[in-house]
Amino acid sequence: MKEMKNLVSILTIVMVFMFTSYTVNAQCDENTSAKKHSKSECTTASAKVAAIKFHADYCGACKKLEPKISELKKEYKDKGVAFVVFDFTDDASKQKTQEMAKAEGLETVLNSYKGTGFIVLYDLESKKVIGKLKNSQNVDEMEAKINAFL
């Protein structure tokens, strides 16, 4: 019986460690978590447009969208577009997304859309949604839509 209690204790500790180390944060971009950044670092003063990806790790459309986003990030690195990820993978990532959206002033966008696998273009000056990019579009079509607002 004592061995069983020890085993349960060890398994509990391991599971807690795994859960806390695996939790995904809402992100300013694919490499830096919002938890580590202030509002000004996520949607910089020079950014005119936020490209907000609605993401979940299990989303097939999100996976197909990723190479296109990588190209867009290279193209618009210093051209006034801030890339933001709203992560809906699990409860913890949803909570982090809500916190980040509130800190960034993006709650309206977060609450206006359901689902994953698309990008919402948001004008940071007027505080209005100005477009939506879908997985069915190619990179050139996405760039044309972004360029219309820069």
C-alpha atoms as a PDB file:
ATOM      1  CA  MET A   1       0.000   0.000   0.000  1.00  0.00           C
ATOM      2  CA  LYS A   2       2.845   2.383   0.854  1.00  0.00           C
ATOM      3  CA  GLU A   3       4.483   1.691  -2.508  1.00  0.00           C
ATOM      4  CA  MET A   4       1.211   2.496  -4.272  1.00  0.00           C
ATOM      5  CA  LYS A   5       0.955   5.877  -2.466  1.00  0.00           C
ATOM      6  CA  ASN A   6       4.542   6.681  -3.426  1.00  0.00           C
ATOM      7  CA  LEU A   7       3.855   5.751  -7.029  1.00  0.00           C
ATOM      8  CA  VAL A   8       0.730   7.924  -7.125  1.00  0.00           C
ATOM      9  CA  SER A   9       2.665  10.835  -5.604  1.00  0.00           C
ATOM     10  CA  ILE A  10       5.445  10.506  -8.156  1.00  0.00           C
ATOM     11  CA  LEU A  11       2.999  10.265 -11.063  1.00  0.00           C
ATOM     12  CA  THR A  12       1.147  13.331  -9.824  1.00  0.00           C
ATOM     13  CA  ILE A  13       4.350  15.366  -9.655  1.00  0.00           C
ATOM     14  CA  VAL A  14       5.408  14.210 -13.119  1.00  0.00           C
ATOM     15  CA  MET A  15       2.013  15.059 -14.619  1.00  0.00           C
ATOM     16  CA  VAL A  16       1.967  18.520 -13.050  1.00  0.00           C
ATOM     17  CA  PHE A  17       5.471  19.173 -14.362  1.00  0.00           C
ATOM     18  CA  MET A  18       4.547  17.967 -17.848  1.00  0.00           C
ATOM     19  CA  PHE A  19       1.402  20.076 -17.935  1.00  0.00           C
ATOM     20  CA  THR A  20       3.099  23.275 -16.819  1.00  0.00           C
ATOM     21  CA  SER A  21       6.059  22.850 -19.138  1.00  0.00           C
ATOM     22  CA  TYR A  22       3.897  21.979 -22.167  1.00  0.00           C
ATOM     23  CA  THR A  23       1.410  24.841 -21.837  1.00  0.00           C
ATOM     24  CA  VAL A  24       1.405  27.065 -24.898  1.00  0.00           C
ATOM     25  CA  ASN A  25       1.128  30.846 -24.504  1.00  0.00           C
ATOM     26  CA  ALA A  26      -0.665  33.309 -26.708  1.00  0.00           C
ATOM     27  CA  GLN A  27       2.037  34.838 -28.827  1.00  0.00           C
ATOM     28  CA  CYS A  28       3.108  38.114 -30.275  1.00  0.00           C
ATOM     29  CA  ASP A  29       4.725  36.093 -33.056  1.00  0.00           C
ATOM     30  CA  GLU A  30       5.731  32.471 -33.422  1.00  0.00           C
ATOM     31  CA  ASN A  31       8.894  32.808 -31.330  1.00  0.00           C
ATOM     32  CA  THR A  32       8.089  35.116 -28.420  1.00  0.00           C
ATOM     33  CA  SER A  33       5.339  34.717 -25.855  1.00  0.00           C
ATOM     34  CA  ALA A  34       3.063  37.591 -24.911  1.00  0.00           C
ATOM     35  CA  LYS A  35       3.773  36.861 -21.262  1.00  0.00           C
ATOM     36  CA  LYS A  36       7.295  38.197 -21.782  1.00  0.00           C
ATOM     37  CA  HIS A  37       6.277  41.313 -23.676  1.00  0.00           C
ATOM     38  CA  SER A  38       4.439  44.516 -22.983  1.00  0.00           C
ATOM     39  CA  LYS A  39       1.776  45.889 -25.280  1.00  0.00           C
ATOM     40  CA  SER A  40       4.225  48.122 -27.127  1.00  0.00           C
ATOM     41  CA  GLU A  41       6.446  45.173 -27.975  1.00  0.00           C
ATOM     42  CA  CYS A  42       3.620  43.057 -29.366  1.00  0.00           C
ATOM     43  CA  THR A  43       1.902  45.695 -31.500  1.00  0.00           C
ATOM     44  CA  THR A  44       4.710  48.188 -31.982  1.00  0.00           C
ATOM     45  CA  ALA A  45       4.229  51.884 -32.495  1.00  0.00           C
ATOM     46  CA  SER A  46       5.422  51.515 -36.102  1.00  0.00           C
ATOM     47  CA  ALA A  47       2.859  48.790 -36.879  1.00  0.00           C
ATOM     48  CA  LYS A  48      -0.197  49.933 -38.803  1.00  0.00           C
ATOM     49  CA  VAL A  49      -1.834  46.534 -39.166  1.00  0.00           C
ATOM     50  CA  ALA A  50      -2.049  43.503 -36.890  1.00  0.00           C
ATOM     51  CA  ALA A  51      -2.253  40.149 -38.671  1.00  0.00           C
ATOM     52  CA  ILE A  52      -3.956  37.960 -36.067  1.00  0.00           C
ATOM     53  CA  LYS A  53      -3.814  34.223 -36.650  1.00  0.00           C
ATOM     54  CA  PHE A  54      -6.576  32.155 -35.040  1.00  0.00           C
ATOM     55  CA  HIS A  55      -4.646  28.975 -34.247  1.00  0.00           C
ATOM     56  CA  ALA A  56      -4.917  25.554 -32.619  1.00  0.00           C
ATOM     57  CA  ASP A  57      -2.246  22.854 -32.719  1.00  0.00           C
ATOM     58  CA  TYR A  58      -4.780  20.262 -33.894  1.00  0.00           C
ATOM     59  CA  CYS A  59      -6.113  22.470 -36.728  1.00  0.00           C
ATOM     60  CA  GLY A  60      -5.272  21.141 -40.201  1.00  0.00           C
ATOM     61  CA  ALA A  61      -5.916  24.489 -41.894  1.00  0.00           C
ATOM     62  CA  CYS A  62      -3.540  26.142 -39.394  1.00  0.00           C
ATOM     63  CA  LYS A  63      -0.776  23.740 -40.368  1.00  0.00           C
ATOM     64  CA  LYS A  64      -1.339  24.466 -44.064  1.00  0.00           C
ATOM     65  CA  LEU A  65      -1.382  28.197 -43.351  1.00  0.00           C
ATOM     66  CA  GLU A  66       1.962  28.199 -41.514  1.00  0.00           C
ATOM     67  CA  PRO A  67       4.318  28.239 -44.570  1.00  0.00           C
ATOM     68  CA  LYS A  68       2.330  31.153 -46.008  1.00  0.00           C
ATOM     69  CA  ILE A  69       2.598  33.047 -42.730  1.00  0.00           C
ATOM     70  CA  SER A  70       6.350  32.449 -42.663  1.00  0.00           C
ATOM     71  CA  GLU A  71       6.637  34.047 -46.110  1.00  0.00           C
ATOM     72  CA  LEU A  72       4.460  36.975 -45.053  1.00  0.00           C
ATOM     73  CA  LYS A  73       6.569  37.551 -41.935  1.00  0.00           C
ATOM     74  CA  LYS A  74       9.722  37.743 -44.072  1.00  0.00           C
ATOM     75  CA  GLU A  75       8.076  40.137 -46.520  1.00  0.00           C
ATOM     76  CA  TYR A  76       6.558  42.443 -43.892  1.00  0.00           C
ATOM     77  CA  LYS A  77       9.233  42.225 -41.194  1.00  0.00           C
ATOM     78  CA  ASP A  78       9.810  45.995 -41.104  1.00  0.00           C
ATOM     79  CA  LYS A  79       6.825  47.228 -43.091  1.00  0.00           C
ATOM     80  CA  GLY A  80       4.222  48.017 -40.441  1.00  0.00           C
ATOM     81  CA  VAL A  81       2.618  44.611 -39.879  1.00  0.00           C
ATOM     82  CA  ALA A  82       2.589  43.008 -36.423  1.00  0.00           C
ATOM     83  CA  PHE A  83       1.938  39.255 -36.407  1.00  0.00           C
ATOM     84  CA  VAL A  84      -0.090  37.985 -33.444  1.00  0.00           C
ATOM     85  CA  VAL A  85      -1.323  34.472 -32.619  1.00  0.00           C
ATOM     86  CA  PHE A  86      -4.547  33.725 -30.762  1.00  0.00           C
ATOM     87  CA  ASP A  87      -4.046  30.120 -29.592  1.00  0.00           C
ATOM     88  CA  PHE A  88      -7.098  27.944 -28.887  1.00  0.00           C
ATOM     89  CA  THR A  89      -5.295  24.619 -28.471  1.00  0.00           C
ATOM     90  CA  ASP A  90      -6.362  24.025 -24.861  1.00  0.00           C
ATOM     91  CA  ASP A  91      -7.844  25.824 -21.849  1.00  0.00           C
ATOM     92  CA  ALA A  92      -4.480  27.175 -20.699  1.00  0.00           C
ATOM     93  CA  SER A  93      -3.622  28.629 -24.108  1.00  0.00           C
ATOM     94  CA  LYS A  94      -7.139  30.101 -24.404  1.00  0.00           C
ATOM     95  CA  GLN A  95      -6.644  31.849 -21.062  1.00  0.00           C
ATOM     96  CA  LYS A  96      -3.260  33.231 -22.146  1.00  0.00           C
ATOM     97  CA  THR A  97      -4.851  34.415 -25.393  1.00  0.00           C
ATOM     98  CA  GLN A  98      -7.580  36.253 -23.489  1.00  0.00           C
ATOM     99  CA  GLU A  99      -5.000  37.927 -21.237  1.00  0.00           C
ATOM    100  CA  MET A 100      -2.841  38.955 -24.175  1.00  0.00           C
ATOM    101  CA  ALA A 101      -5.825  40.219 -26.199  1.00  0.00           C
ATOM    102  CA  LYS A 102      -6.886  42.382 -23.258  1.00  0.00           C
ATOM    103  CA  ALA A 103      -3.354  43.755 -22.787  1.00  0.00           C
ATOM    104  CA  GLU A 104      -3.060  44.506 -26.508  1.00  0.00           C
ATOM    105  CA  GLY A 105      -6.527  46.051 -26.875  1.00  0.00           C
ATOM    106  CA  LEU A 106      -7.598  43.227 -29.201  1.00  0.00           C
ATOM    107  CA  GLU A 107     -10.528  41.834 -27.176  1.00  0.00           C
ATOM    108  CA  THR A 108     -13.091  42.928 -29.764  1.00  0.00           C
ATOM    109  CA  VAL A 109     -11.326  40.893 -32.438  1.00  0.00           C
ATOM    110  CA  LEU A 110     -10.985  37.885 -30.145  1.00  0.00           C
ATOM    111  CA  ASN A 111     -14.674  37.927 -29.258  1.00  0.00           C
ATOM    112  CA  SER A 112     -15.896  38.527 -32.829  1.00  0.00           C
ATOM    113  CA  TYR A 113     -14.645  35.331 -34.447  1.00  0.00           C
ATOM    114  CA  LYS A 114     -15.116  31.615 -33.892  1.00  0.00           C
ATOM    115  CA  GLY A 115     -12.925  28.847 -35.226  1.00  0.00           C
ATOM    116  CA  THR A 116      -9.301  28.585 -36.305  1.00  0.00           C
ATOM    117  CA  GLY A 117      -7.259  28.428 -39.488  1.00  0.00           C
ATOM    118  CA  PHE A 118      -7.489  32.040 -40.681  1.00  0.00           C
ATOM    119  CA  ILE A 119      -5.909  35.477 -40.176  1.00  0.00           C
ATOM    120  CA  VAL A 120      -7.799  38.649 -39.311  1.00  0.00           C
ATOM    121  CA  LEU A 121      -6.286  41.946 -40.459  1.00  0.00           C
ATOM    122  CA  TYR A 122      -6.878  44.686 -37.913  1.00  0.00           C
ATOM    123  CA  ASP A 123      -6.155  48.407 -38.339  1.00  0.00           C
ATOM    124  CA  LEU A 124      -4.345  49.467 -35.171  1.00  0.00           C
ATOM    125  CA  GLU A 125      -5.225  53.156 -35.637  1.00  0.00           C
ATOM    126  CA  SER A 126      -8.950  52.946 -36.380  1.00  0.00           C
ATOM    127  CA  LYS A 127      -9.382  49.825 -34.208  1.00  0.00           C
ATOM    128  CA  LYS A 128     -11.378  48.105 -36.956  1.00  0.00           C
ATOM    129  CA  VAL A 129     -11.167  44.775 -38.748  1.00  0.00           C
ATOM    130  CA  ILE A 130     -10.088  45.511 -42.305  1.00  0.00           C
ATOM    131  CA  GLY A 131      -9.842  42.055 -43.826  1.00  0.00           C
ATOM    132  CA  LYS A 132      -9.532  38.327 -43.454  1.00  0.00           C
ATOM    133  CA  LEU A 133      -6.965  35.985 -44.983  1.00  0.00           C
ATOM    134  CA  LYS A 134      -7.947  32.386 -45.611  1.00  0.00           C
ATOM    135  CA  ASN A 135      -5.969  29.243 -46.191  1.00  0.00           C
ATOM    136  CA  SER A 136      -7.475  28.985 -49.681  1.00  0.00           C
ATOM    137  CA  GLN A 137      -5.616  32.148 -50.745  1.00  0.00           C
ATOM    138  CA  ASN A 138      -2.085  31.982 -52.086  1.00  0.00           C
ATOM    139  CA  VAL A 139       0.689  34.218 -50.738  1.00  0.00           C
ATOM    140  CA  ASP A 140       0.364  36.729 -53.603  1.00  0.00           C
ATOM    141  CA  GLU A 141      -3.349  37.197 -52.864  1.00  0.00           C
ATOM    142  CA  MET A 142      -2.596  37.640 -49.164  1.00  0.00           C
ATOM    143  CA  GLU A 143       0.120  40.196 -49.907  1.00  0.00           C
ATOM    144  CA  ALA A 144      -2.235  42.155 -52.182  1.00  0.00           C
ATOM    145  CA  LYS A 145      -4.811  42.325 -49.413  1.00  0.00           C
ATOM    146  CA  ILE A 146      -2.232  43.471 -46.834  1.00  0.00           C
ATOM    147  CA  ASN A 147      -0.713  46.022 -49.232  1.00  0.00           C
ATOM    148  CA  ALA A 148      -4.145  47.611 -49.736  1.00  0.00           C
ATOM    149  CA  PHE A 149      -4.039  48.726 -46.097  1.00  0.00           C
ATOM    150  CA  LEU A 150      -0.427  49.894 -45.761  1.00  0.00           C
END
